[in-house]
Amino acid sequence: MTETKTKKSVTKPASQRPPAALGKAKTADEITRRSFFSWLSIGWVAFIAATGSFFTMMLRFFFPNVLFEPVQTFRAGYPEDYTIGEVDLRWKDKYGVWLVRNEEGIYALSTVCTHLGCTPNWLGLEQKFKCPCHGSGFYKTGINFEGPAPRPLERYKITLADDGQIIVDKTMVYQKEKNQWNNSEAFLKV
């Protein structure tokens, strides 16, 4: 009987005994080696993701925003392709140009209203350009006659190539109020 008493006195209570298997925690408050490394790896992954996204945003500043615009100089066919007294609309959408032929020659008008930059429409029955935004009206020549547009439409440089085709150059702009419509490149005599 004395031996059993000694065994009971040697046996530790359940709260002081070590866990049965290595690496097993008794309560949720204790951190195991496995849980420590899993939380550490999650932390590193989050840190690397945050750092990577930060440097990606920083690299974005090395590449400026580029707006690709259509070609500013284009060939518009031969003078015979255009009817006298008519406004040709085929280059309106692609290049923003109307080609108009009268008895003296051909000129290229800008499709940008001089009021706030809207695109006027050609009204064939009324023989005028009419801006849908604020009602500005322009004659076939590009001169403004109604609405808030402060000045006439602009003209572009128009020349003939060696092969006889019309070349329109939108980098050269001619304005009526500066007496630039009299320039030989603002009007193509054919």
Protein backbone atom coordinates (compact mmCIF):
# COMPACT_ATOMS: atom_id res chain seq x y z
CA MET A 1 0.00 0.00 0.00
CA THR A 2 2.82 2.36 0.55
CA GLU A 3 3.92 1.82 -2.99
CA THR A 4 0.62 2.99 -4.40
CA LYS A 5 0.74 6.10 -2.29
CA THR A 6 4.17 6.91 -3.58
CA LYS A 7 3.00 6.41 -7.14
CA LYS A 8 0.10 8.78 -6.58
CA SER A 9 2.32 11.39 -5.03
CA VAL A 10 4.81 11.08 -7.93
CA THR A 11 2.10 11.35 -10.57
CA LYS A 12 1.57 14.97 -11.60
CA PRO A 13 -1.88 16.47 -12.05
CA ALA A 14 -3.28 16.59 -15.62
CA SER A 15 -2.67 20.35 -15.96
CA GLN A 16 1.08 19.91 -15.35
CA ARG A 17 1.67 16.88 -17.54
CA PRO A 18 3.35 17.37 -20.97
CA PRO A 19 1.20 16.73 -24.06
CA ALA A 20 1.00 13.20 -25.30
CA ALA A 21 2.48 13.92 -28.77
CA LEU A 22 5.22 16.37 -29.68
CA GLY A 23 4.06 19.57 -31.38
CA LYS A 24 0.51 19.37 -29.99
CA ALA A 25 -0.73 22.30 -27.94
CA LYS A 26 -3.06 21.82 -25.05
CA THR A 27 -5.07 25.02 -25.57
CA ALA A 28 -5.76 27.47 -28.39
CA ASP A 29 -3.71 30.18 -26.66
CA GLU A 30 -0.44 28.35 -27.05
CA ILE A 31 1.44 28.72 -30.40
CA THR A 32 2.94 25.66 -31.97
CA ARG A 33 5.90 25.61 -34.26
CA ARG A 34 3.71 24.66 -37.24
CA SER A 35 1.20 27.47 -36.65
CA PHE A 36 4.02 29.98 -36.15
CA PHE A 37 5.62 29.13 -39.51
CA SER A 38 2.26 29.14 -41.32
CA TRP A 39 1.46 32.62 -39.96
CA LEU A 40 4.97 33.75 -40.78
CA SER A 41 4.66 32.53 -44.37
CA ILE A 42 1.24 34.25 -44.74
CA GLY A 43 2.82 37.46 -43.46
CA TRP A 44 5.69 37.23 -45.94
CA VAL A 45 3.34 36.55 -48.85
CA ALA A 46 1.24 39.58 -47.88
CA PHE A 47 4.38 41.74 -47.57
CA ILE A 48 5.71 40.62 -50.97
CA ALA A 49 2.31 41.22 -52.61
CA ALA A 50 2.05 44.71 -51.12
CA THR A 51 5.62 45.57 -52.10
CA GLY A 52 5.13 44.18 -55.61
CA SER A 53 1.96 46.17 -56.17
CA PHE A 54 3.66 49.32 -54.87
CA PHE A 55 6.59 48.92 -57.26
CA THR A 56 4.21 48.10 -60.11
CA MET A 57 2.43 51.41 -59.48
CA MET A 58 5.79 53.19 -59.33
CA LEU A 59 6.88 51.65 -62.65
CA ARG A 60 3.67 52.92 -64.26
CA PHE A 61 5.04 56.47 -64.07
CA PHE A 62 7.89 55.54 -66.42
CA PHE A 63 5.40 54.88 -69.22
CA PRO A 64 3.43 58.01 -70.18
CA ASN A 65 -0.12 57.95 -71.45
CA VAL A 66 0.00 57.92 -75.21
CA LEU A 67 -2.93 58.90 -77.35
CA PHE A 68 -2.70 57.34 -80.77
CA GLU A 69 -4.21 59.63 -83.36
CA PRO A 70 -4.86 58.97 -87.01
CA VAL A 71 -2.32 59.98 -89.60
CA GLN A 72 -2.26 63.74 -90.10
CA THR A 73 -1.33 63.61 -93.81
CA PHE A 74 -3.30 61.44 -96.21
CA ARG A 75 -4.05 60.97 -99.90
CA ALA A 76 -7.61 61.77 -100.86
CA GLY A 77 -7.80 60.47 -104.42
CA TYR A 78 -7.82 62.41 -107.68
CA PRO A 79 -9.54 65.75 -108.36
CA GLU A 80 -11.82 64.02 -110.86
CA ASP A 81 -13.30 61.99 -107.98
CA TYR A 82 -15.01 65.11 -106.59
CA THR A 83 -18.16 66.67 -108.04
CA ILE A 84 -18.33 70.44 -108.51
CA GLY A 85 -20.66 72.06 -106.00
CA GLU A 86 -20.71 69.07 -103.64
CA VAL A 87 -19.34 68.46 -100.12
CA ASP A 88 -17.56 65.10 -99.91
CA LEU A 89 -18.20 63.32 -96.60
CA ARG A 90 -16.00 60.23 -97.03
CA TRP A 91 -13.10 61.60 -94.92
CA LYS A 92 -15.24 62.99 -92.08
CA ASP A 93 -15.11 60.00 -89.74
CA LYS A 94 -11.61 58.74 -90.43
CA TYR A 95 -9.66 62.00 -90.71
CA GLY A 96 -12.04 64.77 -89.63
CA VAL A 97 -12.00 66.52 -93.02
CA TRP A 98 -14.60 67.61 -95.56
CA LEU A 99 -13.42 68.15 -99.12
CA VAL A 100 -15.42 70.72 -101.05
CA ARG A 101 -15.10 71.35 -104.76
CA ASN A 102 -16.38 74.49 -106.45
CA GLU A 103 -15.77 75.97 -109.93
CA GLU A 104 -12.32 77.31 -108.97
CA GLY A 105 -10.90 74.30 -107.12
CA ILE A 106 -10.92 72.15 -103.98
CA TYR A 107 -10.42 73.02 -100.32
CA ALA A 108 -10.29 70.91 -97.15
CA LEU A 109 -12.42 72.05 -94.20
CA SER A 110 -12.00 70.97 -90.60
CA THR A 111 -14.92 69.09 -89.05
CA VAL A 112 -14.42 70.84 -85.70
CA CYS A 113 -16.85 73.61 -84.76
CA THR A 114 -15.04 76.78 -83.71
CA HIS A 115 -17.40 77.28 -80.78
CA LEU A 116 -16.76 74.31 -78.47
CA GLY A 117 -15.32 71.63 -80.75
CA CYS A 118 -18.37 69.56 -81.67
CA THR A 119 -18.67 68.03 -85.12
CA PRO A 120 -21.19 69.82 -87.38
CA ASN A 121 -23.28 67.89 -89.88
CA TRP A 122 -23.65 68.69 -93.57
CA LEU A 123 -27.27 69.39 -94.44
CA GLY A 124 -27.43 68.94 -98.22
CA LEU A 125 -30.96 70.32 -98.66
CA GLU A 126 -30.15 73.51 -96.77
CA GLN A 127 -26.61 73.73 -98.20
CA LYS A 128 -24.99 74.39 -94.80
CA PHE A 129 -23.05 72.81 -91.97
CA LYS A 130 -25.08 72.76 -88.74
CA CYS A 131 -23.54 72.05 -85.33
CA PRO A 132 -25.83 69.80 -83.23
CA CYS A 133 -24.43 71.00 -79.90
CA HIS A 134 -25.28 74.72 -79.89
CA GLY A 135 -26.74 75.46 -83.33
CA SER A 136 -23.84 77.17 -85.09
CA GLY A 137 -24.29 77.33 -88.83
CA PHE A 138 -21.61 77.51 -91.52
CA TYR A 139 -21.88 78.07 -95.27
CA LYS A 140 -20.31 75.59 -97.69
CA THR A 141 -17.23 77.82 -97.74
CA GLY A 142 -16.84 77.38 -93.96
CA ILE A 143 -17.88 80.92 -93.02
CA ASN A 144 -20.07 81.11 -89.92
CA PHE A 145 -23.44 82.88 -90.23
CA GLU A 146 -25.55 81.75 -87.25
CA GLY A 147 -25.18 80.58 -83.69
CA PRO A 148 -22.45 81.15 -81.16
CA ALA A 149 -19.46 80.10 -83.32
CA PRO A 150 -17.04 83.05 -83.12
CA ARG A 151 -15.17 82.42 -86.38
CA PRO A 152 -15.28 80.36 -89.60
CA LEU A 153 -14.16 76.73 -89.88
CA GLU A 154 -10.47 76.16 -90.43
CA ARG A 155 -8.96 74.91 -93.66
CA TYR A 156 -6.10 72.45 -94.07
CA LYS A 157 -3.19 72.44 -96.47
CA ILE A 158 -4.13 70.75 -99.73
CA THR A 159 -1.69 70.01 -102.57
CA LEU A 160 -1.26 67.70 -105.53
CA ALA A 161 1.26 64.85 -105.43
CA ASP A 162 3.52 63.97 -108.38
CA ASP A 163 1.10 61.23 -109.42
CA GLY A 164 -1.85 63.67 -109.49
CA GLN A 165 -3.50 62.62 -106.21
CA ILE A 166 -4.72 65.13 -103.66
CA ILE A 167 -2.69 65.29 -100.43
CA VAL A 168 -4.32 66.80 -97.33
CA ASP A 169 -1.96 67.86 -94.54
CA LYS A 170 -3.77 68.53 -91.25
CA THR A 171 -0.62 69.84 -89.56
CA MET A 172 -0.97 73.09 -91.52
CA VAL A 173 -4.09 75.06 -90.54
CA TYR A 174 -5.35 78.20 -92.29
CA GLN A 175 -7.79 80.64 -90.68
CA LYS A 176 -10.03 83.14 -92.48
CA GLU A 177 -9.71 85.86 -89.83
CA LYS A 178 -5.94 85.91 -90.32
CA ASN A 179 -6.31 86.21 -94.10
CA GLN A 180 -4.69 82.78 -94.52
CA TRP A 181 -7.37 81.42 -96.87
CA ASN A 182 -5.67 83.39 -99.64
CA ASN A 183 -2.56 81.23 -99.23
CA SER A 184 -1.96 79.01 -102.26
CA GLU A 185 -1.79 75.87 -100.08
CA ALA A 186 -5.23 76.52 -98.50
CA PHE A 187 -6.96 76.09 -101.85
CA LEU A 188 -6.16 73.69 -104.70
CA LYS A 189 -6.83 75.10 -108.15
CA VAL A 190 -7.79 72.39 -110.64
